[in-house]
Amino acid sequence: MTTRGILILCIFMALLGWFALGSFTYYNPPDALNRLISLAILWPTLLATFLPPAYAINLRLRDDGDIMLRAARQSALAALFVTLCVWLRMIQALNWANTILMFGLFVMTEALLSGREK
């Protein structure tokens, strides 16, 4: 599949995911199982949402090949960060210290992974 096809598919999947997440949270009560299902819907939706902007940023900044793989890795890490923040907020354990530590961990992970590419 071409890069353009992947990006169009991601936009379609993001729209579908946000619609599914909105309708699921609207029609179901917020019990424990439904919260886990919402998180399971949230991660791939965020992944598909973050991929086109990450690809555009990487295309502008670095034009050395493997742009789609780098953008997919960055969008997966960003989606995981946001999903973990939402989960910590659900259990009322999110504070500034947790957020900054997690953000630093994800930035260091990305720096180490991108350093291995060279």
C-alpha atoms as a PDB file:
ATOM      1  CA  MET A   1       0.000   0.000   0.000  1.00  0.00           C
ATOM      2  CA  THR A   2       1.285   3.457  -0.795  1.00  0.00           C
ATOM      3  CA  THR A   3       1.955   6.144   1.781  1.00  0.00           C
ATOM      4  CA  ARG A   4      -0.928   8.207   0.491  1.00  0.00           C
ATOM      5  CA  GLY A   5      -3.290   5.249   0.868  1.00  0.00           C
ATOM      6  CA  ILE A   6      -2.090   4.642   4.423  1.00  0.00           C
ATOM      7  CA  LEU A   7      -2.669   8.281   5.358  1.00  0.00           C
ATOM      8  CA  ILE A   8      -6.173   8.302   3.840  1.00  0.00           C
ATOM      9  CA  LEU A   9      -6.961   5.060   5.674  1.00  0.00           C
ATOM     10  CA  CYS A  10      -5.690   6.603   8.940  1.00  0.00           C
ATOM     11  CA  ILE A  11      -7.939   9.627   8.518  1.00  0.00           C
ATOM     12  CA  PHE A  12     -10.923   7.366   7.861  1.00  0.00           C
ATOM     13  CA  MET A  13     -10.041   5.126  10.829  1.00  0.00           C
ATOM     14  CA  ALA A  14      -9.635   8.164  13.100  1.00  0.00           C
ATOM     15  CA  LEU A  15     -13.065   9.496  12.157  1.00  0.00           C
ATOM     16  CA  LEU A  16     -14.604   6.073  12.646  1.00  0.00           C
ATOM     17  CA  GLY A  17     -12.821   5.605  15.971  1.00  0.00           C
ATOM     18  CA  TRP A  18     -13.912   8.991  17.356  1.00  0.00           C
ATOM     19  CA  PHE A  19     -17.483   8.264  16.288  1.00  0.00           C
ATOM     20  CA  ALA A  20     -17.348   4.819  17.925  1.00  0.00           C
ATOM     21  CA  LEU A  21     -15.831   6.202  21.122  1.00  0.00           C
ATOM     22  CA  GLY A  22     -18.371   9.015  21.331  1.00  0.00           C
ATOM     23  CA  SER A  23     -21.350   6.783  20.728  1.00  0.00           C
ATOM     24  CA  PHE A  24     -20.038   4.102  23.112  1.00  0.00           C
ATOM     25  CA  THR A  25     -19.524   6.563  25.953  1.00  0.00           C
ATOM     26  CA  TYR A  26     -22.876   8.217  25.251  1.00  0.00           C
ATOM     27  CA  TYR A  27     -24.961   5.038  25.298  1.00  0.00           C
ATOM     28  CA  ASN A  28     -23.181   3.038  28.046  1.00  0.00           C
ATOM     29  CA  PRO A  29     -22.886   3.830  31.761  1.00  0.00           C
ATOM     30  CA  PRO A  30     -19.385   4.458  33.141  1.00  0.00           C
ATOM     31  CA  ASP A  31     -18.770   1.215  35.024  1.00  0.00           C
ATOM     32  CA  ALA A  32     -15.386  -0.545  35.268  1.00  0.00           C
ATOM     33  CA  LEU A  33     -15.723  -2.746  32.190  1.00  0.00           C
ATOM     34  CA  ASN A  34     -16.966   0.093  29.999  1.00  0.00           C
ATOM     35  CA  ARG A  35     -14.023   2.247  31.076  1.00  0.00           C
ATOM     36  CA  LEU A  36     -11.597  -0.449  29.951  1.00  0.00           C
ATOM     37  CA  ILE A  37     -13.442  -0.789  26.646  1.00  0.00           C
ATOM     38  CA  SER A  38     -13.248   2.982  26.210  1.00  0.00           C
ATOM     39  CA  LEU A  39      -9.485   2.859  26.745  1.00  0.00           C
ATOM     40  CA  ALA A  40      -9.230   0.004  24.253  1.00  0.00           C
ATOM     41  CA  ILE A  41     -11.064   2.132  21.680  1.00  0.00           C
ATOM     42  CA  LEU A  42      -9.081   5.258  22.570  1.00  0.00           C
ATOM     43  CA  TRP A  43      -5.563   3.968  21.828  1.00  0.00           C
ATOM     44  CA  PRO A  44      -6.038   2.953  18.150  1.00  0.00           C
ATOM     45  CA  THR A  45      -8.158   6.062  17.590  1.00  0.00           C
ATOM     46  CA  LEU A  46      -5.374   8.281  18.887  1.00  0.00           C
ATOM     47  CA  LEU A  47      -2.826   6.313  16.878  1.00  0.00           C
ATOM     48  CA  ALA A  48      -4.759   6.930  13.676  1.00  0.00           C
ATOM     49  CA  THR A  49      -5.275  10.573  14.650  1.00  0.00           C
ATOM     50  CA  PHE A  50      -1.605  11.273  15.400  1.00  0.00           C
ATOM     51  CA  LEU A  51      -0.136   9.464  12.374  1.00  0.00           C
ATOM     52  CA  PRO A  52      -0.856  12.014   9.586  1.00  0.00           C
ATOM     53  CA  PRO A  53       0.522  15.031  11.532  1.00  0.00           C
ATOM     54  CA  ALA A  54       3.552  13.002  12.658  1.00  0.00           C
ATOM     55  CA  TYR A  55       4.189  11.978   9.058  1.00  0.00           C
ATOM     56  CA  ALA A  56       3.929  15.586   7.870  1.00  0.00           C
ATOM     57  CA  ILE A  57       6.326  16.810  10.574  1.00  0.00           C
ATOM     58  CA  ASN A  58       8.851  14.048   9.849  1.00  0.00           C
ATOM     59  CA  LEU A  59       8.577  14.680   6.123  1.00  0.00           C
ATOM     60  CA  ARG A  60       9.506  18.341   6.672  1.00  0.00           C
ATOM     61  CA  LEU A  61      12.258  17.752   9.224  1.00  0.00           C
ATOM     62  CA  ARG A  62      13.976  14.574   8.011  1.00  0.00           C
ATOM     63  CA  ASP A  63      13.939  13.271   4.476  1.00  0.00           C
ATOM     64  CA  ASP A  64      16.155  10.202   4.788  1.00  0.00           C
ATOM     65  CA  GLY A  65      13.712   7.331   4.216  1.00  0.00           C
ATOM     66  CA  ASP A  66      11.662   5.262   6.673  1.00  0.00           C
ATOM     67  CA  ILE A  67       9.529   8.304   7.420  1.00  0.00           C
ATOM     68  CA  MET A  68       6.355   6.263   7.803  1.00  0.00           C
ATOM     69  CA  LEU A  69       7.925   3.864  10.324  1.00  0.00           C
ATOM     70  CA  ARG A  70       9.294   6.757  12.380  1.00  0.00           C
ATOM     71  CA  ALA A  71       5.937   8.556  12.271  1.00  0.00           C
ATOM     72  CA  ALA A  72       4.121   5.366  13.270  1.00  0.00           C
ATOM     73  CA  ARG A  73       6.458   4.855  16.223  1.00  0.00           C
ATOM     74  CA  GLN A  74       6.070   8.457  17.374  1.00  0.00           C
ATOM     75  CA  SER A  75       2.305   8.396  17.027  1.00  0.00           C
ATOM     76  CA  ALA A  76       2.113   5.067  18.899  1.00  0.00           C
ATOM     77  CA  LEU A  77       4.162   6.528  21.756  1.00  0.00           C
ATOM     78  CA  ALA A  78       2.036   9.690  21.829  1.00  0.00           C
ATOM     79  CA  ALA A  79      -1.181   7.647  21.793  1.00  0.00           C
ATOM     80  CA  LEU A  80       0.144   5.456  24.611  1.00  0.00           C
ATOM     81  CA  PHE A  81       1.079   8.549  26.636  1.00  0.00           C
ATOM     82  CA  VAL A  82      -2.372  10.095  26.274  1.00  0.00           C
ATOM     83  CA  THR A  83      -4.106   6.775  26.977  1.00  0.00           C
ATOM     84  CA  LEU A  84      -2.046   6.264  30.129  1.00  0.00           C
ATOM     85  CA  CYS A  85      -2.872   9.806  31.244  1.00  0.00           C
ATOM     86  CA  VAL A  86      -6.582   9.154  30.699  1.00  0.00           C
ATOM     87  CA  TRP A  87      -6.370   5.875  32.625  1.00  0.00           C
ATOM     88  CA  LEU A  88      -4.533   7.542  35.514  1.00  0.00           C
ATOM     89  CA  ARG A  89      -7.174  10.276  35.512  1.00  0.00           C
ATOM     90  CA  MET A  90      -9.920   7.649  35.651  1.00  0.00           C
ATOM     91  CA  ILE A  91      -8.436   6.139  38.800  1.00  0.00           C
ATOM     92  CA  GLN A  92      -7.672   9.647  40.113  1.00  0.00           C
ATOM     93  CA  ALA A  93      -3.921   9.079  40.253  1.00  0.00           C
ATOM     94  CA  LEU A  94      -2.855  11.660  37.662  1.00  0.00           C
ATOM     95  CA  ASN A  95      -0.873  14.611  38.937  1.00  0.00           C
ATOM     96  CA  TRP A  96       1.808  16.886  37.525  1.00  0.00           C
ATOM     97  CA  ALA A  97       4.660  14.755  38.823  1.00  0.00           C
ATOM     98  CA  ASN A  98       3.319  11.604  37.138  1.00  0.00           C
ATOM     99  CA  THR A  99       2.696  13.474  33.914  1.00  0.00           C
ATOM    100  CA  ILE A 100       6.158  15.022  33.768  1.00  0.00           C
ATOM    101  CA  LEU A 101       7.862  11.724  34.632  1.00  0.00           C
ATOM    102  CA  MET A 102       5.893   9.822  31.996  1.00  0.00           C
ATOM    103  CA  PHE A 103       6.568  12.521  29.421  1.00  0.00           C
ATOM    104  CA  GLY A 104      10.284  12.367  30.176  1.00  0.00           C
ATOM    105  CA  LEU A 105      10.221   8.588  29.887  1.00  0.00           C
ATOM    106  CA  PHE A 106       8.529   8.718  26.493  1.00  0.00           C
ATOM    107  CA  VAL A 107      10.901  11.432  25.230  1.00  0.00           C
ATOM    108  CA  MET A 108      13.922   9.399  26.348  1.00  0.00           C
ATOM    109  CA  THR A 109      12.470   6.275  24.712  1.00  0.00           C
ATOM    110  CA  GLU A 110      12.020   8.113  21.432  1.00  0.00           C
ATOM    111  CA  ALA A 111      15.523   9.616  21.656  1.00  0.00           C
ATOM    112  CA  LEU A 112      17.074   6.191  22.269  1.00  0.00           C
ATOM    113  CA  LEU A 113      15.086   4.551  19.473  1.00  0.00           C
ATOM    114  CA  SER A 114      15.865   7.291  16.971  1.00  0.00           C
ATOM    115  CA  GLY A 115      19.524   7.189  17.989  1.00  0.00           C
ATOM    116  CA  ARG A 116      19.619   3.491  17.145  1.00  0.00           C
ATOM    117  CA  GLU A 117      18.454   4.215  13.596  1.00  0.00           C
ATOM    118  CA  LYS A 118      21.638   6.037  12.657  1.00  0.00           C
END
